[in-house]
Protein backbone atom coordinates (compact mmCIF):
# COMPACT_ATOMS: atom_id res chain seq x y z
CA UNK A 1 -66.53 90.32 36.68
CA UNK A 2 -63.09 89.22 37.78
CA UNK A 3 -61.77 87.49 40.88
CA UNK A 4 -59.05 89.24 42.85
CA UNK A 5 -57.31 88.50 46.12
CA UNK A 6 -56.17 85.26 47.69
CA UNK A 7 -57.36 82.82 50.32
CA UNK A 8 -60.46 83.92 52.20
CA UNK A 9 -60.03 87.46 50.82
CA UNK A 10 -60.94 86.44 47.25
CA UNK A 11 -63.78 88.46 45.79
CA UNK A 12 -65.58 89.23 42.53
CA UNK A 13 -65.08 92.78 41.31
CA UNK A 14 -65.99 94.73 38.21
CA UNK A 15 -63.18 94.04 35.73
CA UNK A 16 -63.62 97.44 34.07
CA UNK A 17 -63.25 99.24 37.39
CA UNK A 18 -59.98 97.42 38.03
CA UNK A 19 -58.61 98.37 34.60
CA UNK A 20 -60.25 101.75 33.94
CA UNK A 21 -60.77 103.16 37.42
CA UNK A 22 -63.40 102.98 40.17
CA UNK A 23 -65.76 105.49 38.53
CA UNK A 24 -66.67 102.93 35.83
CA UNK A 25 -68.64 100.62 38.17
CA UNK A 26 -69.93 102.98 40.83
CA UNK A 27 -71.98 101.23 43.51
CA UNK A 28 -70.62 97.76 42.78
CA UNK A 29 -68.46 96.77 45.74
CA UNK A 30 -66.55 93.51 45.75
CA UNK A 31 -68.51 90.37 46.58
CA UNK A 32 -66.54 87.87 48.66
CA UNK A 33 -66.49 84.36 47.22
CA UNK A 34 -66.90 82.68 50.61
CA UNK A 35 -70.19 84.55 51.14
CA UNK A 36 -71.50 84.54 47.58
CA UNK A 37 -70.92 80.93 46.49
CA UNK A 38 -73.14 79.26 49.12
CA UNK A 39 -76.01 81.63 48.22
CA UNK A 40 -75.70 80.86 44.51
CA UNK A 41 -75.45 77.10 45.08
CA UNK A 42 -78.47 77.10 47.42
CA UNK A 43 -80.46 78.98 44.80
CA UNK A 44 -79.51 76.46 42.13
CA UNK A 45 -80.46 73.56 44.39
CA UNK A 46 -83.87 75.12 45.10
CA UNK A 47 -84.63 75.35 41.37
């Protein structure tokens, strides 16, 4: 995974898709950091 974009538009994407084309990681859309990080941190706190 790699982070692309800036500001509130930053998102995790498949690094191979960025370098080798979108057919490498079919079905893996970008995951926005501002939406993903709170979910991950909440999950870690619960454990």
